[in-house]
C-alpha atoms as a PDB file:
ATOM      1  CA  MET A   1     -62.632 -72.162  12.292  1.00  0.00           C
ATOM      2  CA  HIS A   2     -65.275 -73.998  10.268  1.00  0.00           C
ATOM      3  CA  ASN A   3     -65.337 -77.791  10.157  1.00  0.00           C
ATOM      4  CA  LEU A   4     -66.666 -78.043   6.601  1.00  0.00           C
ATOM      5  CA  ASN A   5     -65.276 -80.611   4.157  1.00  0.00           C
ATOM      6  CA  LEU A   6     -64.449 -78.110   1.430  1.00  0.00           C
ATOM      7  CA  ASN A   7     -62.987 -80.716  -0.922  1.00  0.00           C
ATOM      8  CA  PHE A   8     -66.223 -82.721  -0.863  1.00  0.00           C
ATOM      9  CA  LEU A   9     -68.378 -79.607  -1.160  1.00  0.00           C
ATOM     10  CA  SER A  10     -66.341 -78.207  -4.056  1.00  0.00           C
ATOM     11  CA  GLN A  11     -66.584 -81.445  -6.048  1.00  0.00           C
ATOM     12  CA  SER A  12     -70.337 -81.544  -5.424  1.00  0.00           C
ATOM     13  CA  CYS A  13     -70.691 -77.897  -6.481  1.00  0.00           C
ATOM     14  CA  ILE A  14     -68.764 -78.542  -9.695  1.00  0.00           C
ATOM     15  CA  GLU A  15     -71.303 -81.217 -10.620  1.00  0.00           C
ATOM     16  CA  ILE A  16     -74.223 -78.963  -9.623  1.00  0.00           C
ATOM     17  CA  ALA A  17     -72.883 -75.991 -11.604  1.00  0.00           C
ATOM     18  CA  GLU A  18     -72.103 -78.068 -14.692  1.00  0.00           C
ATOM     19  CA  THR A  19     -75.580 -79.625 -14.676  1.00  0.00           C
ATOM     20  CA  ALA A  20     -77.100 -76.143 -14.328  1.00  0.00           C
ATOM     21  CA  GLY A  21     -74.930 -75.092 -17.274  1.00  0.00           C
ATOM     22  CA  LEU A  22     -76.345 -77.916 -19.393  1.00  0.00           C
ATOM     23  CA  LYS A  23     -79.887 -76.839 -18.502  1.00  0.00           C
ATOM     24  CA  ILE A  24     -79.006 -73.293 -19.563  1.00  0.00           C
ATOM     25  CA  LEU A  25     -77.544 -74.517 -22.864  1.00  0.00           C
ATOM     26  CA  GLU A  26     -80.722 -76.444 -23.698  1.00  0.00           C
ATOM     27  CA  ILE A  27     -82.679 -73.191 -23.448  1.00  0.00           C
ATOM     28  CA  TYR A  28     -79.914 -71.116 -25.089  1.00  0.00           C
ATOM     29  CA  GLN A  29     -80.110 -73.214 -28.235  1.00  0.00           C
ATOM     30  CA  GLY A  30     -83.847 -72.628 -28.668  1.00  0.00           C
ATOM     31  CA  ASP A  31     -86.398 -69.909 -27.998  1.00  0.00           C
ATOM     32  CA  PHE A  32     -86.763 -68.434 -24.522  1.00  0.00           C
ATOM     33  CA  ASP A  33     -88.913 -65.913 -22.697  1.00  0.00           C
ATOM     34  CA  ILE A  34     -87.453 -62.641 -21.400  1.00  0.00           C
ATOM     35  CA  LYS A  35     -89.036 -60.684 -18.558  1.00  0.00           C
ATOM     36  CA  SER A  36     -87.950 -57.555 -16.739  1.00  0.00           C
ATOM     37  CA  LYS A  37     -87.284 -57.583 -12.992  1.00  0.00           C
ATOM     38  CA  LYS A  38     -88.064 -54.744 -10.570  1.00  0.00           C
ATOM     39  CA  ASP A  39     -84.599 -53.260 -11.131  1.00  0.00           C
ATOM     40  CA  ASN A  40     -85.141 -53.382 -14.923  1.00  0.00           C
ATOM     41  CA  THR A  41     -82.577 -56.147 -15.400  1.00  0.00           C
ATOM     42  CA  PRO A  42     -83.606 -59.023 -17.686  1.00  0.00           C
ATOM     43  CA  LEU A  43     -84.764 -62.434 -16.467  1.00  0.00           C
ATOM     44  CA  THR A  44     -85.040 -65.483 -18.723  1.00  0.00           C
ATOM     45  CA  THR A  45     -86.384 -69.002 -18.375  1.00  0.00           C
ATOM     46  CA  ALA A  46     -82.731 -70.126 -18.246  1.00  0.00           C
ATOM     47  CA  ASP A  47     -82.086 -68.021 -15.115  1.00  0.00           C
ATOM     48  CA  MET A  48     -84.979 -69.718 -13.354  1.00  0.00           C
ATOM     49  CA  ALA A  49     -84.152 -73.245 -14.561  1.00  0.00           C
ATOM     50  CA  ALA A  50     -80.604 -72.893 -13.214  1.00  0.00           C
ATOM     51  CA  HIS A  51     -81.871 -71.266 -10.008  1.00  0.00           C
ATOM     52  CA  TYR A  52     -84.253 -74.099  -9.125  1.00  0.00           C
ATOM     53  CA  HIS A  53     -81.690 -76.788  -9.918  1.00  0.00           C
ATOM     54  CA  ILE A  54     -78.929 -75.159  -7.873  1.00  0.00           C
ATOM     55  CA  VAL A  55     -81.048 -74.254  -4.851  1.00  0.00           C
ATOM     56  CA  ASN A  56     -82.647 -77.703  -4.674  1.00  0.00           C
ATOM     57  CA  SER A  57     -79.279 -79.422  -5.095  1.00  0.00           C
ATOM     58  CA  LEU A  58     -77.496 -77.300  -2.466  1.00  0.00           C
ATOM     59  CA  THR A  59     -80.353 -77.787  -0.023  1.00  0.00           C
ATOM     60  CA  SER A  60     -80.051 -81.546  -0.454  1.00  0.00           C
ATOM     61  CA  LEU A  61     -76.266 -81.407  -0.213  1.00  0.00           C
ATOM     62  CA  ALA A  62     -76.119 -79.390   3.021  1.00  0.00           C
ATOM     63  CA  PRO A  63     -79.588 -78.823   4.541  1.00  0.00           C
ATOM     64  CA  GLU A  64     -78.104 -76.858   7.428  1.00  0.00           C
ATOM     65  CA  LEU A  65     -76.737 -74.108   5.161  1.00  0.00           C
ATOM     66  CA  PRO A  66     -78.998 -71.292   3.897  1.00  0.00           C
ATOM     67  CA  VAL A  67     -78.954 -70.411   0.189  1.00  0.00           C
ATOM     68  CA  LEU A  68     -79.054 -66.836  -1.103  1.00  0.00           C
ATOM     69  CA  SER A  69     -79.659 -66.748  -4.860  1.00  0.00           C
ATOM     70  CA  GLU A  70     -80.038 -63.714  -7.095  1.00  0.00           C
ATOM     71  CA  GLU A  71     -83.460 -65.021  -8.077  1.00  0.00           C
ATOM     72  CA  ALA A  72     -84.637 -65.335  -4.456  1.00  0.00           C
ATOM     73  CA  ALA A  73     -82.733 -62.547  -2.748  1.00  0.00           C
ATOM     74  CA  ASP A  74     -85.604 -60.924  -0.867  1.00  0.00           C
ATOM     75  CA  ILE A  75     -84.407 -62.130   2.545  1.00  0.00           C
ATOM     76  CA  PRO A  76     -84.367 -59.477   5.308  1.00  0.00           C
ATOM     77  CA  PHE A  77     -80.969 -58.516   6.720  1.00  0.00           C
ATOM     78  CA  ALA A  78     -82.370 -59.230  10.169  1.00  0.00           C
ATOM     79  CA  GLU A  79     -82.427 -62.876   9.121  1.00  0.00           C
ATOM     80  CA  ARG A  80     -79.295 -62.882   6.942  1.00  0.00           C
ATOM     81  CA  LYS A  81     -77.070 -61.328   9.597  1.00  0.00           C
ATOM     82  CA  THR A  82     -77.505 -64.421  11.763  1.00  0.00           C
ATOM     83  CA  TRP A  83     -75.883 -66.568   9.046  1.00  0.00           C
ATOM     84  CA  GLU A  84     -72.265 -67.464   9.770  1.00  0.00           C
ATOM     85  CA  THR A  85     -72.020 -69.724   6.714  1.00  0.00           C
ATOM     86  CA  TYR A  86     -74.251 -69.764   3.618  1.00  0.00           C
ATOM     87  CA  TRP A  87     -74.328 -70.355  -0.128  1.00  0.00           C
ATOM     88  CA  LEU A  88     -74.323 -67.301  -2.414  1.00  0.00           C
ATOM     89  CA  VAL A  89     -75.462 -68.064  -5.958  1.00  0.00           C
ATOM     90  CA  ASP A  90     -75.793 -66.341  -9.316  1.00  0.00           C
ATOM     91  CA  PRO A  91     -77.598 -68.976 -11.403  1.00  0.00           C
ATOM     92  CA  LEU A  92     -76.864 -67.168 -14.667  1.00  0.00           C
ATOM     93  CA  ASP A  93     -74.293 -64.403 -14.467  1.00  0.00           C
ATOM     94  CA  GLY A  94     -74.367 -62.368 -17.658  1.00  0.00           C
ATOM     95  CA  THR A  95     -78.017 -62.613 -18.644  1.00  0.00           C
ATOM     96  CA  ARG A  96     -77.542 -59.782 -21.157  1.00  0.00           C
ATOM     97  CA  GLU A  97     -74.720 -61.752 -22.794  1.00  0.00           C
ATOM     98  CA  PHE A  98     -76.973 -64.831 -22.811  1.00  0.00           C
ATOM     99  CA  ILE A  99     -79.686 -62.848 -24.603  1.00  0.00           C
ATOM    100  CA  LYS A 100     -77.106 -61.582 -27.129  1.00  0.00           C
ATOM    101  CA  ARG A 101     -76.015 -65.219 -27.608  1.00  0.00           C
ATOM    102  CA  ASN A 102     -72.314 -64.363 -27.401  1.00  0.00           C
ATOM    103  CA  GLY A 103     -71.505 -67.192 -24.965  1.00  0.00           C
ATOM    104  CA  GLU A 104     -70.064 -64.940 -22.274  1.00  0.00           C
ATOM    105  CA  PHE A 105     -72.156 -66.040 -19.322  1.00  0.00           C
ATOM    106  CA  SER A 106     -71.583 -68.326 -16.366  1.00  0.00           C
ATOM    107  CA  VAL A 107     -73.006 -70.204 -13.402  1.00  0.00           C
ATOM    108  CA  ASN A 108     -71.592 -68.956 -10.088  1.00  0.00           C
ATOM    109  CA  ILE A 109     -71.709 -70.777  -6.746  1.00  0.00           C
ATOM    110  CA  ALA A 110     -69.875 -69.534  -3.642  1.00  0.00           C
ATOM    111  CA  LEU A 111     -69.705 -70.536  -0.009  1.00  0.00           C
ATOM    112  CA  ILE A 112     -69.418 -67.602   2.375  1.00  0.00           C
ATOM    113  CA  HIS A 113     -68.099 -68.034   5.921  1.00  0.00           C
ATOM    114  CA  GLN A 114     -67.809 -65.092   8.316  1.00  0.00           C
ATOM    115  CA  HIS A 115     -68.240 -62.572   5.459  1.00  0.00           C
ATOM    116  CA  LYS A 116     -65.512 -64.122   3.256  1.00  0.00           C
ATOM    117  CA  SER A 117     -65.658 -66.403   0.219  1.00  0.00           C
ATOM    118  CA  ILE A 118     -64.072 -69.750   1.106  1.00  0.00           C
ATOM    119  CA  LEU A 119     -65.241 -71.769  -1.927  1.00  0.00           C
ATOM    120  CA  GLY A 120     -66.021 -70.737  -5.469  1.00  0.00           C
ATOM    121  CA  VAL A 121     -67.171 -72.556  -8.605  1.00  0.00           C
ATOM    122  CA  ILE A 122     -67.734 -70.858 -11.972  1.00  0.00           C
ATOM    123  CA  ASN A 123     -68.990 -72.879 -14.930  1.00  0.00           C
ATOM    124  CA  ILE A 124     -68.893 -71.385 -18.423  1.00  0.00           C
ATOM    125  CA  PRO A 125     -71.372 -73.582 -20.319  1.00  0.00           C
ATOM    126  CA  VAL A 126     -70.520 -72.605 -23.905  1.00  0.00           C
ATOM    127  CA  GLN A 127     -66.771 -73.129 -23.352  1.00  0.00           C
ATOM    128  CA  LYS A 128     -67.258 -76.351 -21.332  1.00  0.00           C
ATOM    129  CA  VAL A 129     -64.896 -74.885 -18.755  1.00  0.00           C
ATOM    130  CA  THR A 130     -65.190 -74.771 -14.968  1.00  0.00           C
ATOM    131  CA  TYR A 131     -63.027 -72.778 -12.582  1.00  0.00           C
ATOM    132  CA  PHE A 132     -62.995 -73.745  -8.922  1.00  0.00           C
ATOM    133  CA  ALA A 133     -61.150 -73.056  -5.701  1.00  0.00           C
ATOM    134  CA  TYR A 134     -61.519 -73.505  -2.001  1.00  0.00           C
ATOM    135  CA  GLU A 135     -59.631 -72.096   0.930  1.00  0.00           C
ATOM    136  CA  GLY A 136     -56.057 -73.356   1.154  1.00  0.00           C
ATOM    137  CA  HIS A 137     -56.217 -75.562  -1.953  1.00  0.00           C
ATOM    138  CA  GLY A 138     -55.303 -73.204  -4.804  1.00  0.00           C
ATOM    139  CA  ALA A 139     -57.347 -72.424  -7.916  1.00  0.00           C
ATOM    140  CA  HIS A 140     -58.018 -74.855 -10.750  1.00  0.00           C
ATOM    141  CA  LYS A 141     -59.483 -74.941 -14.261  1.00  0.00           C
ATOM    142  CA  ILE A 142     -61.309 -77.947 -15.711  1.00  0.00           C
ATOM    143  CA  SER A 143     -61.706 -78.175 -19.500  1.00  0.00           C
ATOM    144  CA  ARG A 144     -63.954 -80.691 -21.263  1.00  0.00           C
ATOM    145  CA  GLU A 145     -62.831 -81.098 -24.839  1.00  0.00           C
ATOM    146  CA  ILE A 146     -65.031 -82.064 -27.809  1.00  0.00           C
ATOM    147  CA  SER A 147     -63.839 -85.658 -27.404  1.00  0.00           C
ATOM    148  CA  GLU A 148     -65.138 -85.427 -23.798  1.00  0.00           C
ATOM    149  CA  LYS A 149     -61.560 -85.772 -22.579  1.00  0.00           C
ATOM    150  CA  ILE A 150     -61.274 -83.902 -19.285  1.00  0.00           C
ATOM    151  CA  SER A 151     -58.173 -81.947 -18.304  1.00  0.00           C
ATOM    152  CA  GLN A 152     -57.513 -80.107 -15.067  1.00  0.00           C
ATOM    153  CA  GLU A 153     -54.780 -77.593 -14.346  1.00  0.00           C
ATOM    154  CA  LYS A 154     -53.800 -75.359 -11.473  1.00  0.00           C
ATOM    155  CA  ILE A 155     -54.039 -71.679 -12.377  1.00  0.00           C
ATOM    156  CA  ASN A 156     -52.188 -68.641 -11.041  1.00  0.00           C
ATOM    157  CA  CYS A 157     -52.395 -64.891 -11.420  1.00  0.00           C
ATOM    158  CA  ARG A 158     -49.412 -63.283 -13.070  1.00  0.00           C
ATOM    159  CA  LYS A 159     -47.140 -60.624 -11.638  1.00  0.00           C
ATOM    160  CA  VAL A 160     -48.436 -57.249 -12.761  1.00  0.00           C
ATOM    161  CA  ASP A 161     -46.217 -55.128 -15.010  1.00  0.00           C
ATOM    162  CA  ILE A 162     -47.585 -51.569 -14.749  1.00  0.00           C
ATOM    163  CA  ASP A 163     -45.938 -50.649 -18.089  1.00  0.00           C
ATOM    164  CA  ASN A 164     -47.532 -53.568 -19.953  1.00  0.00           C
ATOM    165  CA  LEU A 165     -51.046 -53.884 -18.555  1.00  0.00           C
ATOM    166  CA  THR A 166     -53.870 -55.992 -19.878  1.00  0.00           C
ATOM    167  CA  ILE A 167     -57.287 -55.016 -18.527  1.00  0.00           C
ATOM    168  CA  ALA A 168     -60.385 -57.217 -18.498  1.00  0.00           C
ATOM    169  CA  GLY A 169     -63.293 -54.912 -19.295  1.00  0.00           C
ATOM    170  CA  SER A 170     -67.044 -55.127 -19.502  1.00  0.00           C
ATOM    171  CA  ARG A 171     -68.887 -55.453 -22.791  1.00  0.00           C
ATOM    172  CA  SER A 172     -71.994 -53.846 -21.334  1.00  0.00           C
ATOM    173  CA  HIS A 173     -70.602 -51.062 -19.098  1.00  0.00           C
ATOM    174  CA  GLN A 174     -68.164 -48.356 -20.264  1.00  0.00           C
ATOM    175  CA  SER A 175     -68.697 -45.203 -18.191  1.00  0.00           C
ATOM    176  CA  GLU A 176     -66.758 -41.941 -18.349  1.00  0.00           C
ATOM    177  CA  LYS A 177     -65.363 -42.853 -14.936  1.00  0.00           C
ATOM    178  CA  ILE A 178     -63.757 -46.039 -16.223  1.00  0.00           C
ATOM    179  CA  LYS A 179     -62.501 -44.297 -19.360  1.00  0.00           C
ATOM    180  CA  SER A 180     -60.750 -41.685 -17.206  1.00  0.00           C
ATOM    181  CA  PHE A 181     -59.205 -44.394 -15.026  1.00  0.00           C
ATOM    182  CA  LEU A 182     -57.866 -46.249 -18.064  1.00  0.00           C
ATOM    183  CA  THR A 183     -56.431 -43.044 -19.508  1.00  0.00           C
ATOM    184  CA  LYS A 184     -54.460 -42.467 -16.300  1.00  0.00           C
ATOM    185  CA  LEU A 185     -53.099 -46.002 -16.626  1.00  0.00           C
ATOM    186  CA  GLY A 186     -51.720 -45.115 -20.066  1.00  0.00           C
ATOM    187  CA  ASN A 187     -54.527 -46.625 -22.155  1.00  0.00           C
ATOM    188  CA  PRO A 188     -53.590 -50.283 -21.620  1.00  0.00           C
ATOM    189  CA  LYS A 189     -54.681 -53.224 -23.739  1.00  0.00           C
ATOM    190  CA  ILE A 190     -58.360 -54.077 -23.126  1.00  0.00           C
ATOM    191  CA  ILE A 191     -59.998 -57.491 -23.379  1.00  0.00           C
ATOM    192  CA  PRO A 192     -63.761 -56.860 -23.572  1.00  0.00           C
ATOM    193  CA  ILE A 193     -65.654 -59.775 -22.055  1.00  0.00           C
ATOM    194  CA  GLY A 194     -68.872 -60.354 -20.136  1.00  0.00           C
ATOM    195  CA  SER A 195     -69.876 -61.618 -16.684  1.00  0.00           C
ATOM    196  CA  SER A 196     -67.464 -63.166 -14.183  1.00  0.00           C
ATOM    197  CA  LEU A 197     -65.217 -64.268 -17.049  1.00  0.00           C
ATOM    198  CA  LYS A 198     -63.313 -61.018 -16.439  1.00  0.00           C
ATOM    199  CA  SER A 199     -62.216 -62.176 -12.994  1.00  0.00           C
ATOM    200  CA  CYS A 200     -61.391 -65.625 -14.378  1.00  0.00           C
ATOM    201  CA  LEU A 201     -58.985 -64.008 -16.869  1.00  0.00           C
ATOM    202  CA  VAL A 202     -57.159 -62.384 -13.960  1.00  0.00           C
ATOM    203  CA  ALA A 203     -57.110 -65.656 -12.004  1.00  0.00           C
ATOM    204  CA  GLU A 204     -55.548 -67.597 -14.877  1.00  0.00           C
ATOM    205  CA  GLY A 205     -52.962 -64.920 -15.674  1.00  0.00           C
ATOM    206  CA  SER A 206     -54.468 -63.730 -18.972  1.00  0.00           C
ATOM    207  CA  ALA A 207     -55.227 -60.243 -17.594  1.00  0.00           C
ATOM    208  CA  ASP A 208     -53.734 -58.077 -14.867  1.00  0.00           C
ATOM    209  CA  LEU A 209     -56.693 -56.049 -13.667  1.00  0.00           C
ATOM    210  CA  TYR A 210     -60.469 -55.865 -13.797  1.00  0.00           C
ATOM    211  CA  PRO A 211     -61.661 -52.501 -12.442  1.00  0.00           C
ATOM    212  CA  ARG A 212     -65.388 -52.316 -11.726  1.00  0.00           C
ATOM    213  CA  LEU A 213     -66.399 -48.700 -11.204  1.00  0.00           C
ATOM    214  CA  GLY A 214     -70.132 -49.279 -11.205  1.00  0.00           C
ATOM    215  CA  LEU A 215     -72.885 -51.238  -9.538  1.00  0.00           C
ATOM    216  CA  THR A 216     -72.788 -54.993  -9.036  1.00  0.00           C
ATOM    217  CA  SER A 217     -74.293 -57.317  -6.449  1.00  0.00           C
ATOM    218  CA  GLU A 218     -72.607 -59.653  -4.002  1.00  0.00           C
ATOM    219  CA  TRP A 219     -73.478 -62.761  -6.032  1.00  0.00           C
ATOM    220  CA  ASP A 220     -71.599 -61.263  -8.999  1.00  0.00           C
ATOM    221  CA  THR A 221     -68.215 -61.446  -7.238  1.00  0.00           C
ATOM    222  CA  ALA A 222     -68.439 -64.119  -4.532  1.00  0.00           C
ATOM    223  CA  ALA A 223     -67.453 -67.232  -6.527  1.00  0.00           C
ATOM    224  CA  ALA A 224     -64.677 -65.407  -8.385  1.00  0.00           C
ATOM    225  CA  HIS A 225     -63.405 -63.928  -5.125  1.00  0.00           C
ATOM    226  CA  CYS A 226     -62.188 -67.259  -3.773  1.00  0.00           C
ATOM    227  CA  ILE A 227     -60.816 -68.322  -7.168  1.00  0.00           C
ATOM    228  CA  VAL A 228     -58.799 -65.111  -7.617  1.00  0.00           C
ATOM    229  CA  GLU A 229     -57.413 -65.164  -4.071  1.00  0.00           C
ATOM    230  CA  GLU A 230     -56.439 -68.827  -4.273  1.00  0.00           C
ATOM    231  CA  ALA A 231     -54.690 -68.008  -7.580  1.00  0.00           C
ATOM    232  CA  GLY A 232     -52.582 -65.399  -5.765  1.00  0.00           C
ATOM    233  CA  GLY A 233     -54.555 -62.259  -6.618  1.00  0.00           C
ATOM    234  CA  GLN A 234     -56.905 -59.974  -4.758  1.00  0.00           C
ATOM    235  CA  ILE A 235     -60.364 -58.452  -4.930  1.00  0.00           C
ATOM    236  CA  THR A 236     -60.603 -55.226  -2.943  1.00  0.00           C
ATOM    237  CA  LYS A 237     -62.797 -52.177  -2.692  1.00  0.00           C
ATOM    238  CA  THR A 238     -61.427 -49.140  -4.519  1.00  0.00           C
ATOM    239  CA  ASP A 239     -59.878 -47.905  -1.263  1.00  0.00           C
ATOM    240  CA  MET A 240     -57.835 -51.139  -1.357  1.00  0.00           C
ATOM    241  CA  GLN A 241     -59.648 -52.509   1.716  1.00  0.00           C
ATOM    242  CA  PRO A 242     -61.153 -56.021   1.787  1.00  0.00           C
ATOM    243  CA  LEU A 243     -64.431 -56.675  -0.020  1.00  0.00           C
ATOM    244  CA  LEU A 244     -66.754 -58.462   2.433  1.00  0.00           C
ATOM    245  CA  TYR A 245     -70.158 -60.144   2.162  1.00  0.00           C
ATOM    246  CA  ASN A 246     -73.425 -59.916   4.073  1.00  0.00           C
ATOM    247  CA  THR A 247     -72.401 -56.986   6.272  1.00  0.00           C
ATOM    248  CA  LYS A 248     -75.312 -54.650   5.535  1.00  0.00           C
ATOM    249  CA  ASP A 249     -78.932 -54.422   4.465  1.00  0.00           C
ATOM    250  CA  SER A 250     -78.108 -53.799   0.800  1.00  0.00           C
ATOM    251  CA  LEU A 251     -76.676 -56.626  -1.301  1.00  0.00           C
ATOM    252  CA  LEU A 252     -75.003 -54.165  -3.672  1.00  0.00           C
ATOM    253  CA  ASN A 253     -71.216 -54.240  -3.820  1.00  0.00           C
ATOM    254  CA  PRO A 254     -69.083 -51.136  -3.535  1.00  0.00           C
ATOM    255  CA  GLU A 255     -66.885 -50.446  -6.559  1.00  0.00           C
ATOM    256  CA  PHE A 256     -63.904 -52.788  -6.640  1.00  0.00           C
ATOM    257  CA  PHE A 257     -60.666 -53.947  -8.247  1.00  0.00           C
ATOM    258  CA  VAL A 258     -59.717 -57.506  -9.224  1.00  0.00           C
ATOM    259  CA  PHE A 259     -55.981 -57.828  -9.788  1.00  0.00           C
ATOM    260  CA  GLY A 260     -52.995 -60.138  -9.970  1.00  0.00           C
ATOM    261  CA  ILE A 261     -49.775 -60.240  -7.978  1.00  0.00           C
ATOM    262  CA  THR A 262     -48.759 -56.678  -7.125  1.00  0.00           C
ATOM    263  CA  ASP A 263     -48.575 -54.067  -4.371  1.00  0.00           C
ATOM    264  CA  ILE A 264     -49.774 -51.283  -6.698  1.00  0.00           C
ATOM    265  CA  ASP A 265     -52.290 -48.920  -5.101  1.00  0.00           C
ATOM    266  CA  TRP A 266     -54.867 -48.754  -7.882  1.00  0.00           C
ATOM    267  CA  SER A 267     -56.827 -46.096  -6.000  1.00  0.00           C
ATOM    268  CA  SER A 268     -54.107 -43.572  -6.874  1.00  0.00           C
ATOM    269  CA  TYR A 269     -55.240 -43.764 -10.512  1.00  0.00           C
ATOM    270  CA  LEU A 270     -58.865 -42.868  -9.804  1.00  0.00           C
END
């Protein structure tokens, strides 16, 4: 068992994520450069500003823990596989949504221990909302109102009603595969939303299921993973087996389901 002070680390990560969110907003409200990465995904000055702030802050916070960020992910598995505990970061999740200026993007920070997410922080800069959780403490939502009044509440997934489903869906990805899956579920209500906000909707009980039948990377799910599980839900592969981190050379996730309180075998609808 780890001997990490998860309460201290989570509070520190909330501050780090919210400051990164403010840096992103400064750029969001003006002009910004857009480049294309090797995998043809977009990269903006906001991604890099958040990346440098988060990596530097986490390194100062816990120098003994490695940091794996989307914007510096070229670390050989030979090195990564020796890590028992490390930070996994998506400095700006939802870069396409950022470019569209629809507000549906987030800052994601997770702590991985023995291939599982044990701490997660997700800041949504435009909404002034932060979700956070750590192992054994439940999941929480912090809201900063216009008056700067801060409220915090514990959040929970809801019990899934298969006959009255609400699905969190992607704005940017609607494949034939996902359309077929939804048809088999009886064409449930869809909430289209970007980035890790989909998992947050499940965690707070606003949606029942987020099926991702396409490519993502480990930093896309890690922070939400702890939040959803501490809220009573699950994130599994599509064979309903656990989704784990840093187990292979590739940092791509398998397809997965994020869902609330239920024993439904979602794989039977594929």
